[in-house]
Amino acid sequence: MTDWTAYQLGESSDDIVIDSSEDNMLAANRLIEQAHIQIDIFTRDLEARIYNHSAVFDAIRSLVTSSPRAKVRILVIDPDFATKHGHRLIDLARHLTSYMEIRKVHEDYAANPEAFLIVDRRGLLHRKLASRYEAVVNFNDPQHAGTLTDKFDEIWERSKSHVDFKRLYI
């Protein structure tokens, strides 16, 4: 198992190869807890084994409640499972709409096999196949993170909010 405390956002430039859901969650948490401005997540179904963990939830909540400039954007290809079974990030986004937004991926991009997390256009967790846990993590790769952010921005602009992500006022 990797000692994630040794890695610092913006400093550690090593590509770290991982292959378990636990390492994905720990790496995501370590990246997110060091975020200053922006977190972008591209995911198939909000991957509960990675993003529905209390440590990840706490790190995201800490960012958006401590920085007025913070922004969390999440693109989900298939939101049905997460909305039907409950997900902490959906609830958080419903309460912090100024800082967090979740969108359903436009159908033109729904076949994209990847999953990735980008933090401050610098750190990343990238799985070329979302169905597997093999990933590359890097805490200081602005070039690769920038390329993924550009791809994310393109998909974001074409995607729309999903009704199940909205807060219902009754």
C-alpha atoms as a PDB file:
ATOM      1  CA  MET A   1       0.000   0.000   0.000  1.00  0.00           C
ATOM      2  CA  THR A   2       1.212   3.501  -0.847  1.00  0.00           C
ATOM      3  CA  ASP A   3       2.014   6.074   1.833  1.00  0.00           C
ATOM      4  CA  TRP A   4      -0.071   8.937   0.442  1.00  0.00           C
ATOM      5  CA  THR A   5       1.034  11.418   3.124  1.00  0.00           C
ATOM      6  CA  ALA A   6       4.399  11.702   1.351  1.00  0.00           C
ATOM      7  CA  TYR A   7       2.816  13.330  -1.726  1.00  0.00           C
ATOM      8  CA  GLN A   8       2.185  17.069  -1.997  1.00  0.00           C
ATOM      9  CA  LEU A   9       0.053  18.807  -4.593  1.00  0.00           C
ATOM     10  CA  GLY A  10       2.266  20.930  -6.841  1.00  0.00           C
ATOM     11  CA  GLU A  11       5.476  19.255  -5.669  1.00  0.00           C
ATOM     12  CA  SER A  12       5.435  15.489  -6.202  1.00  0.00           C
ATOM     13  CA  SER A  13       5.847  14.848  -9.945  1.00  0.00           C
ATOM     14  CA  ASP A  14       6.083  11.072  -9.910  1.00  0.00           C
ATOM     15  CA  ASP A  15       3.582   8.949 -11.797  1.00  0.00           C
ATOM     16  CA  ILE A  16       2.194   6.521  -9.240  1.00  0.00           C
ATOM     17  CA  VAL A  17       0.521   3.435 -10.677  1.00  0.00           C
ATOM     18  CA  ILE A  18      -2.263   1.938  -8.567  1.00  0.00           C
ATOM     19  CA  ASP A  19      -4.758  -0.873  -9.096  1.00  0.00           C
ATOM     20  CA  SER A  20      -7.213  -1.155  -6.196  1.00  0.00           C
ATOM     21  CA  SER A  21     -10.387   0.652  -5.225  1.00  0.00           C
ATOM     22  CA  GLU A  22      -8.858   1.438  -1.828  1.00  0.00           C
ATOM     23  CA  ASP A  23      -5.779   3.080  -3.365  1.00  0.00           C
ATOM     24  CA  ASN A  24      -8.054   5.016  -5.747  1.00  0.00           C
ATOM     25  CA  MET A  25     -10.049   6.322  -2.792  1.00  0.00           C
ATOM     26  CA  LEU A  26      -6.938   7.153  -0.750  1.00  0.00           C
ATOM     27  CA  ALA A  27      -5.264   8.901  -3.694  1.00  0.00           C
ATOM     28  CA  ALA A  28      -8.444  10.845  -4.511  1.00  0.00           C
ATOM     29  CA  ASN A  29      -8.767  11.873  -0.891  1.00  0.00           C
ATOM     30  CA  ARG A  30      -5.122  13.003  -0.687  1.00  0.00           C
ATOM     31  CA  LEU A  31      -5.506  15.077  -3.855  1.00  0.00           C
ATOM     32  CA  ILE A  32      -8.837  16.586  -2.786  1.00  0.00           C
ATOM     33  CA  GLU A  33      -7.708  17.480   0.727  1.00  0.00           C
ATOM     34  CA  GLN A  34      -4.917  19.596  -0.793  1.00  0.00           C
ATOM     35  CA  ALA A  35      -7.126  21.426  -3.307  1.00  0.00           C
ATOM     36  CA  HIS A  36      -7.157  25.233  -3.173  1.00  0.00           C
ATOM     37  CA  ILE A  37      -9.534  26.263  -5.962  1.00  0.00           C
ATOM     38  CA  GLN A  38     -11.049  23.612  -8.200  1.00  0.00           C
ATOM     39  CA  ILE A  39     -11.934  19.948  -8.335  1.00  0.00           C
ATOM     40  CA  ASP A  40     -13.216  18.333 -11.530  1.00  0.00           C
ATOM     41  CA  ILE A  41     -14.487  14.742 -11.526  1.00  0.00           C
ATOM     42  CA  PHE A  42     -15.458  12.755 -14.614  1.00  0.00           C
ATOM     43  CA  THR A  43     -17.098   9.487 -13.617  1.00  0.00           C
ATOM     44  CA  ARG A  44     -19.436   6.784 -14.864  1.00  0.00           C
ATOM     45  CA  ASP A  45     -21.707   6.591 -11.811  1.00  0.00           C
ATOM     46  CA  LEU A  46     -20.128   8.641  -8.993  1.00  0.00           C
ATOM     47  CA  GLU A  47     -18.205   5.513  -8.016  1.00  0.00           C
ATOM     48  CA  ALA A  48     -19.291   4.921  -4.444  1.00  0.00           C
ATOM     49  CA  ARG A  49     -16.137   2.924  -3.592  1.00  0.00           C
ATOM     50  CA  ILE A  50     -14.075   6.049  -4.282  1.00  0.00           C
ATOM     51  CA  TYR A  51     -16.233   9.153  -3.893  1.00  0.00           C
ATOM     52  CA  ASN A  52     -18.859   8.118  -1.325  1.00  0.00           C
ATOM     53  CA  HIS A  53     -16.296   7.691   1.426  1.00  0.00           C
ATOM     54  CA  SER A  54     -16.545   9.963   4.476  1.00  0.00           C
ATOM     55  CA  ALA A  55     -12.939  11.197   4.144  1.00  0.00           C
ATOM     56  CA  VAL A  56     -13.520  12.316   0.533  1.00  0.00           C
ATOM     57  CA  PHE A  57     -16.822  13.932   1.498  1.00  0.00           C
ATOM     58  CA  ASP A  58     -15.161  15.781   4.396  1.00  0.00           C
ATOM     59  CA  ALA A  59     -12.290  16.994   2.199  1.00  0.00           C
ATOM     60  CA  ILE A  60     -14.675  18.374  -0.444  1.00  0.00           C
ATOM     61  CA  ARG A  61     -16.919  19.966   2.171  1.00  0.00           C
ATOM     62  CA  SER A  62     -13.882  21.545   3.832  1.00  0.00           C
ATOM     63  CA  LEU A  63     -12.742  23.071   0.532  1.00  0.00           C
ATOM     64  CA  VAL A  64     -16.099  24.547  -0.442  1.00  0.00           C
ATOM     65  CA  THR A  65     -16.858  25.914   3.021  1.00  0.00           C
ATOM     66  CA  SER A  66     -13.427  27.458   3.562  1.00  0.00           C
ATOM     67  CA  SER A  67     -12.786  29.180   0.233  1.00  0.00           C
ATOM     68  CA  PRO A  68     -15.233  31.570  -1.438  1.00  0.00           C
ATOM     69  CA  ARG A  69     -13.532  30.905  -4.795  1.00  0.00           C
ATOM     70  CA  ALA A  70     -13.757  27.110  -4.566  1.00  0.00           C
ATOM     71  CA  LYS A  71     -15.537  25.216  -7.332  1.00  0.00           C
ATOM     72  CA  VAL A  72     -16.372  21.523  -7.622  1.00  0.00           C
ATOM     73  CA  ARG A  73     -17.684  20.260 -10.949  1.00  0.00           C
ATOM     74  CA  ILE A  74     -18.775  16.671 -11.426  1.00  0.00           C
ATOM     75  CA  LEU A  75     -19.741  15.015 -14.700  1.00  0.00           C
ATOM     76  CA  VAL A  76     -21.619  11.720 -14.407  1.00  0.00           C
ATOM     77  CA  ILE A  77     -22.370   9.454 -17.351  1.00  0.00           C
ATOM     78  CA  ASP A  78     -25.031   7.331 -15.621  1.00  0.00           C
ATOM     79  CA  PRO A  79     -26.466   9.048 -12.519  1.00  0.00           C
ATOM     80  CA  ASP A  80     -29.277   6.555 -11.856  1.00  0.00           C
ATOM     81  CA  PHE A  81     -27.457   4.262  -9.418  1.00  0.00           C
ATOM     82  CA  ALA A  82     -26.049   7.122  -7.325  1.00  0.00           C
ATOM     83  CA  THR A  83     -29.363   8.960  -7.123  1.00  0.00           C
ATOM     84  CA  LYS A  84     -31.387   5.837  -6.275  1.00  0.00           C
ATOM     85  CA  HIS A  85     -28.990   4.528  -3.633  1.00  0.00           C
ATOM     86  CA  GLY A  86     -28.001   7.844  -2.116  1.00  0.00           C
ATOM     87  CA  HIS A  87     -24.602   9.490  -2.429  1.00  0.00           C
ATOM     88  CA  ARG A  88     -23.019  11.986  -0.063  1.00  0.00           C
ATOM     89  CA  LEU A  89     -21.752  14.226  -2.852  1.00  0.00           C
ATOM     90  CA  ILE A  90     -25.217  14.595  -4.373  1.00  0.00           C
ATOM     91  CA  ASP A  91     -26.579  15.719  -1.008  1.00  0.00           C
ATOM     92  CA  LEU A  92     -23.663  18.111  -0.539  1.00  0.00           C
ATOM     93  CA  ALA A  93     -24.141  19.596  -4.021  1.00  0.00           C
ATOM     94  CA  ARG A  94     -27.826  20.135  -3.297  1.00  0.00           C
ATOM     95  CA  HIS A  95     -26.915  22.249  -0.262  1.00  0.00           C
ATOM     96  CA  LEU A  96     -23.917  24.098  -1.688  1.00  0.00           C
ATOM     97  CA  THR A  97     -25.164  25.065  -5.134  1.00  0.00           C
ATOM     98  CA  SER A  98     -22.889  28.101  -5.365  1.00  0.00           C
ATOM     99  CA  TYR A  99     -19.805  25.914  -5.083  1.00  0.00           C
ATOM    100  CA  MET A 100     -20.769  22.520  -6.464  1.00  0.00           C
ATOM    101  CA  GLU A 101     -22.541  21.390  -9.594  1.00  0.00           C
ATOM    102  CA  ILE A 102     -23.206  17.925 -10.955  1.00  0.00           C
ATOM    103  CA  ARG A 103     -24.179  17.404 -14.570  1.00  0.00           C
ATOM    104  CA  LYS A 104     -25.202  14.392 -16.588  1.00  0.00           C
ATOM    105  CA  VAL A 105     -22.769  13.852 -19.469  1.00  0.00           C
ATOM    106  CA  HIS A 106     -24.136  14.747 -22.903  1.00  0.00           C
ATOM    107  CA  GLU A 107     -24.939  11.631 -24.931  1.00  0.00           C
ATOM    108  CA  ASP A 108     -22.181  12.423 -27.456  1.00  0.00           C
ATOM    109  CA  TYR A 109     -19.608  11.728 -24.720  1.00  0.00           C
ATOM    110  CA  ALA A 110     -21.345   8.867 -22.897  1.00  0.00           C
ATOM    111  CA  ALA A 111     -19.136   6.220 -24.541  1.00  0.00           C
ATOM    112  CA  ASN A 112     -15.969   7.756 -23.098  1.00  0.00           C
ATOM    113  CA  PRO A 113     -14.322   4.846 -21.230  1.00  0.00           C
ATOM    114  CA  GLU A 114     -12.247   7.005 -18.861  1.00  0.00           C
ATOM    115  CA  ALA A 115     -12.655   8.235 -15.321  1.00  0.00           C
ATOM    116  CA  PHE A 116     -10.568  11.033 -13.870  1.00  0.00           C
ATOM    117  CA  LEU A 117     -10.137  13.530 -11.090  1.00  0.00           C
ATOM    118  CA  ILE A 118      -8.308  16.829 -11.613  1.00  0.00           C
ATOM    119  CA  VAL A 119      -7.302  19.113  -8.762  1.00  0.00           C
ATOM    120  CA  ASP A 120      -6.273  22.736  -9.371  1.00  0.00           C
ATOM    121  CA  ARG A 121      -5.236  21.939 -12.972  1.00  0.00           C
ATOM    122  CA  ARG A 122      -2.161  20.293 -11.481  1.00  0.00           C
ATOM    123  CA  GLY A 123      -2.878  16.999  -9.717  1.00  0.00           C
ATOM    124  CA  LEU A 124      -4.752  14.082 -11.237  1.00  0.00           C
ATOM    125  CA  LEU A 125      -5.998  10.560 -10.855  1.00  0.00           C
ATOM    126  CA  HIS A 126      -6.603   9.070 -14.307  1.00  0.00           C
ATOM    127  CA  ARG A 127      -8.108   5.699 -15.152  1.00  0.00           C
ATOM    128  CA  LYS A 128      -8.147   4.986 -18.868  1.00  0.00           C
ATOM    129  CA  LEU A 129     -10.829   2.367 -18.267  1.00  0.00           C
ATOM    130  CA  ALA A 130     -13.420   3.415 -15.713  1.00  0.00           C
ATOM    131  CA  SER A 131     -14.478  -0.208 -15.298  1.00  0.00           C
ATOM    132  CA  ARG A 132     -11.072  -1.058 -13.790  1.00  0.00           C
ATOM    133  CA  TYR A 133      -9.081   0.382 -10.908  1.00  0.00           C
ATOM    134  CA  GLU A 134      -5.749   0.607 -12.738  1.00  0.00           C
ATOM    135  CA  ALA A 135      -4.849   4.285 -12.575  1.00  0.00           C
ATOM    136  CA  VAL A 136      -2.036   6.779 -12.755  1.00  0.00           C
ATOM    137  CA  VAL A 137      -1.842   9.393 -10.020  1.00  0.00           C
ATOM    138  CA  ASN A 138       0.356  12.473 -10.215  1.00  0.00           C
ATOM    139  CA  PHE A 139       0.383  15.397  -7.792  1.00  0.00           C
ATOM    140  CA  ASN A 140       2.235  17.784 -10.125  1.00  0.00           C
ATOM    141  CA  ASP A 141       1.595  17.235 -13.822  1.00  0.00           C
ATOM    142  CA  PRO A 142       0.087  20.484 -15.129  1.00  0.00           C
ATOM    143  CA  GLN A 143       0.451  19.389 -18.752  1.00  0.00           C
ATOM    144  CA  HIS A 144      -1.560  16.163 -18.414  1.00  0.00           C
ATOM    145  CA  ALA A 145      -3.986  17.789 -15.955  1.00  0.00           C
ATOM    146  CA  GLY A 146      -4.449  20.695 -18.366  1.00  0.00           C
ATOM    147  CA  THR A 147      -5.221  18.341 -21.256  1.00  0.00           C
ATOM    148  CA  LEU A 148      -7.798  16.513 -19.135  1.00  0.00           C
ATOM    149  CA  THR A 149      -9.258  19.840 -17.951  1.00  0.00           C
ATOM    150  CA  ASP A 150      -9.679  20.987 -21.552  1.00  0.00           C
ATOM    151  CA  LYS A 151     -11.501  17.733 -22.347  1.00  0.00           C
ATOM    152  CA  PHE A 152     -13.601  18.146 -19.181  1.00  0.00           C
ATOM    153  CA  ASP A 153     -14.481  21.757 -20.104  1.00  0.00           C
ATOM    154  CA  GLU A 154     -15.642  20.686 -23.574  1.00  0.00           C
ATOM    155  CA  ILE A 155     -17.905  17.986 -22.130  1.00  0.00           C
ATOM    156  CA  TRP A 156     -19.111  20.313 -19.348  1.00  0.00           C
ATOM    157  CA  GLU A 157     -20.281  22.937 -21.818  1.00  0.00           C
ATOM    158  CA  ARG A 158     -22.426  20.398 -23.689  1.00  0.00           C
ATOM    159  CA  SER A 159     -23.800  18.658 -20.602  1.00  0.00           C
ATOM    160  CA  LYS A 160     -26.838  19.656 -18.551  1.00  0.00           C
ATOM    161  CA  SER A 161     -27.973  19.426 -14.972  1.00  0.00           C
ATOM    162  CA  HIS A 162     -29.977  16.326 -14.198  1.00  0.00           C
ATOM    163  CA  VAL A 163     -33.312  16.682 -12.418  1.00  0.00           C
ATOM    164  CA  ASP A 164     -32.257  14.204  -9.708  1.00  0.00           C
ATOM    165  CA  PHE A 165     -29.289  16.398  -8.775  1.00  0.00           C
ATOM    166  CA  LYS A 166     -31.484  19.366  -7.945  1.00  0.00           C
ATOM    167  CA  ARG A 167     -32.788  20.189  -4.504  1.00  0.00           C
ATOM    168  CA  LEU A 168     -36.550  19.913  -4.230  1.00  0.00           C
ATOM    169  CA  TYR A 169     -38.314  22.593  -2.219  1.00  0.00           C
ATOM    170  CA  ILE A 170     -41.711  21.541  -0.991  1.00  0.00           C
END
